[in-house]
Protein backbone atom coordinates (compact mmCIF):
# COMPACT_ATOMS: atom_id res chain seq x y z
CA LEU A 1 -30.23 -51.54 -48.03
CA THR A 2 -30.48 -55.07 -49.29
CA ARG A 3 -29.91 -58.23 -47.33
CA THR A 4 -27.22 -60.59 -48.58
CA ASP A 5 -28.09 -63.74 -46.76
CA ASN A 6 -27.63 -65.71 -49.80
CA ALA A 7 -24.82 -64.05 -51.52
CA PRO A 8 -22.69 -65.30 -52.82
CA PHE A 9 -24.49 -68.53 -52.82
CA PRO A 10 -27.40 -69.88 -50.54
CA GLY A 11 -26.58 -70.37 -47.12
CA ALA A 12 -23.03 -68.99 -47.71
CA TYR A 13 -22.48 -67.98 -44.02
CA LEU A 14 -24.65 -70.66 -42.26
CA ARG A 15 -22.18 -73.61 -42.75
CA PRO A 16 -18.33 -73.94 -43.43
CA VAL A 17 -17.44 -74.27 -47.11
CA ALA A 18 -14.10 -75.03 -48.27
CA ARG A 19 -12.32 -71.84 -49.94
CA LEU A 20 -9.33 -71.28 -51.83
CA ASN A 21 -8.96 -67.54 -50.60
CA GLY A 22 -7.34 -67.07 -47.33
CA GLY A 23 -8.68 -63.54 -46.84
CA GLY A 24 -12.32 -63.84 -48.07
CA GLY A 25 -15.42 -65.28 -46.63
CA LEU A 26 -14.31 -64.79 -42.96
CA VAL A 27 -16.99 -64.61 -40.57
CA SER A 28 -16.68 -63.35 -36.72
CA THR A 29 -18.60 -61.73 -33.87
CA LEU A 30 -17.80 -58.40 -32.26
CA PRO A 31 -16.52 -59.86 -29.02
CA ASP A 32 -14.01 -62.07 -30.90
CA MET A 33 -12.87 -59.08 -32.89
CA VAL A 34 -12.22 -57.16 -29.91
CA ALA A 35 -10.39 -59.99 -28.26
CA LEU A 36 -8.10 -60.31 -31.38
CA ILE A 37 -7.45 -56.64 -31.56
CA ARG A 38 -6.70 -56.56 -27.79
CA SER A 39 -4.17 -59.39 -28.27
CA LEU A 40 -2.25 -57.16 -30.84
CA LEU A 41 -2.17 -54.02 -29.01
CA PRO A 42 1.25 -53.52 -27.20
CA GLY A 43 1.10 -54.71 -23.57
CA GLY A 44 -2.15 -56.60 -24.20
CA PRO A 45 -2.84 -60.25 -23.29
CA THR A 46 -1.38 -62.12 -26.30
CA LEU A 47 -0.64 -65.70 -27.92
CA LEU A 48 1.85 -64.41 -30.24
CA LYS A 49 5.65 -63.50 -29.41
CA PRO A 50 6.32 -59.86 -29.75
CA ASP A 51 8.66 -60.45 -32.66
CA THR A 52 5.73 -62.04 -34.40
CA ILE A 53 3.39 -59.13 -33.78
CA ALA A 54 6.29 -56.80 -34.98
CA ALA A 55 6.72 -58.45 -38.23
CA MET A 56 3.00 -58.46 -38.66
CA MET A 57 3.18 -54.88 -38.30
CA SER A 58 6.22 -54.15 -40.44
CA ASN A 59 6.26 -53.45 -44.27
CA GLN A 60 6.65 -56.51 -46.44
CA LEU A 61 6.53 -54.64 -49.79
CA PRO A 62 9.57 -53.22 -51.67
CA ASP A 63 10.44 -49.68 -51.31
CA GLY A 64 8.18 -47.47 -53.33
CA GLN A 65 5.46 -49.92 -53.89
CA TRP A 66 2.00 -49.39 -52.24
CA ILE A 67 -1.18 -51.14 -51.75
CA ARG A 68 -3.44 -51.37 -54.73
CA PHE A 69 -7.16 -52.15 -54.87
CA ALA A 70 -9.28 -52.89 -57.77
CA MET A 71 -11.44 -49.67 -58.67
CA MET A 72 -9.28 -47.60 -56.29
CA GLY A 73 -5.94 -47.95 -57.66
CA GLU A 74 -2.55 -47.46 -55.91
CA GLN A 75 -2.86 -46.20 -52.27
CA PRO A 76 0.43 -43.94 -51.91
CA GLY A 77 1.52 -44.08 -48.31
CA LYS A 78 -0.13 -47.40 -47.47
CA ALA A 79 1.87 -50.56 -47.39
CA HIS A 80 1.16 -54.10 -46.31
CA GLY A 81 2.42 -56.19 -43.14
CA LEU A 82 1.89 -59.91 -42.72
CA ALA A 83 -1.56 -59.63 -41.52
CA GLY A 84 -3.02 -56.40 -42.88
CA GLY A 85 -2.24 -52.96 -44.20
CA LEU A 86 0.03 -50.09 -42.71
CA ILE A 87 -0.29 -46.35 -42.99
CA LEU A 88 3.28 -45.25 -43.58
CA ASN A 89 2.45 -41.69 -44.54
CA PRO A 90 -1.27 -40.62 -43.69
CA SER A 91 -3.05 -39.36 -46.78
CA PRO A 92 -5.32 -36.31 -46.61
CA ILE A 93 -8.43 -38.38 -45.50
CA ASP A 94 -6.56 -40.21 -42.87
CA HIS A 95 -5.93 -38.66 -39.38
CA PRO A 96 -2.63 -36.91 -39.18
CA ASP A 97 -2.04 -39.26 -36.12
CA ALA A 98 -2.45 -42.58 -38.19
CA ALA A 99 1.33 -42.83 -39.14
CA GLY A 100 2.19 -46.30 -38.03
CA GLU A 101 -1.25 -47.70 -38.00
CA PHE A 102 -2.14 -51.47 -38.74
CA TYR A 103 -5.39 -52.17 -40.28
CA TRP A 104 -7.75 -54.00 -42.53
CA GLY A 105 -11.41 -54.59 -43.36
CA GLY A 106 -13.88 -56.56 -45.24
CA VAL A 107 -16.24 -55.94 -48.15
CA ALA A 108 -19.17 -56.05 -45.85
CA GLY A 109 -18.12 -53.40 -43.45
CA THR A 110 -16.11 -55.01 -40.82
CA GLN A 111 -13.02 -52.80 -40.38
CA TRP A 112 -10.35 -52.68 -37.44
CA TRP A 113 -7.45 -50.47 -36.88
CA ILE A 114 -4.50 -50.46 -34.15
CA SER A 115 -2.12 -47.37 -33.65
CA PRO A 116 0.62 -49.07 -31.52
CA LYS A 117 2.46 -45.49 -31.34
CA LYS A 118 -1.02 -44.05 -29.68
CA GLY A 119 -2.00 -47.30 -27.80
CA ILE A 120 -5.64 -47.20 -29.29
CA ALA A 121 -7.68 -49.25 -31.67
CA GLY A 122 -10.97 -49.66 -33.09
CA VAL A 123 -13.50 -51.98 -34.65
CA MET A 124 -16.46 -51.48 -36.72
CA MET A 125 -18.84 -53.87 -37.89
CA ALA A 126 -21.30 -51.95 -40.14
CA GLN A 127 -22.78 -54.77 -42.51
CA ARG A 128 -22.85 -52.44 -45.45
CA GLN A 129 -21.40 -53.77 -48.76
CA MET A 130 -18.25 -51.52 -49.93
CA ALA A 131 -18.21 -50.01 -46.39
CA PHE A 132 -14.44 -49.85 -46.23
CA VAL A 133 -14.48 -47.00 -48.42
CA HIS A 134 -17.59 -45.32 -47.04
CA PRO A 135 -16.94 -41.81 -45.48
CA PHE A 136 -18.44 -43.08 -42.05
CA SER A 137 -15.43 -45.18 -41.52
CA PHE A 138 -13.04 -42.40 -41.81
CA GLU A 139 -15.21 -40.23 -39.38
CA PHE A 140 -15.36 -42.84 -36.80
CA LYS A 141 -11.56 -43.23 -36.77
CA ARG A 142 -11.21 -39.42 -36.97
CA MET A 143 -13.70 -38.98 -33.72
CA ALA A 144 -11.53 -41.92 -32.06
CA TYR A 145 -8.17 -40.08 -32.56
CA ASP A 146 -9.59 -36.82 -31.42
CA ALA A 147 -11.22 -38.20 -28.32
CA VAL A 148 -8.18 -39.73 -27.11
CA LYS A 149 -5.98 -36.67 -27.89
CA ARG A 150 -8.45 -34.52 -25.80
CA GLY A 151 -8.45 -36.98 -23.04
CA ARG A 152 -4.56 -36.84 -22.38
């Protein structure tokens, strides 16, 4: 592992810096991420109207268009809402119960997902570059879904 304290530039995460990228360079803590995710779960304490949350979790892409990532290409079955990705059709690497899941992550390993249909969510903060495509993220989610399934 290599520390990235000074990437992409010295002191990058030690002071506020103006950015022209609304989705990059965000910094948070685990308690704040958990509070955010809880606020988006159905029935949770929220600051947003239910219609706003529904729009956030509704596909905003035209029919037949899927999320596409550099070096990964098109992700069939994965769409995009107003605030993150949506799993419309789980792929072979997704848990079968992930249909309807709302999710997003960051290059340094922060990931979150919400399953409104199952009433569960997860947050992982790994601090590992390119962790959003690392196998442990899929294993973590699989184990969470399976644990909930066994508990019901």
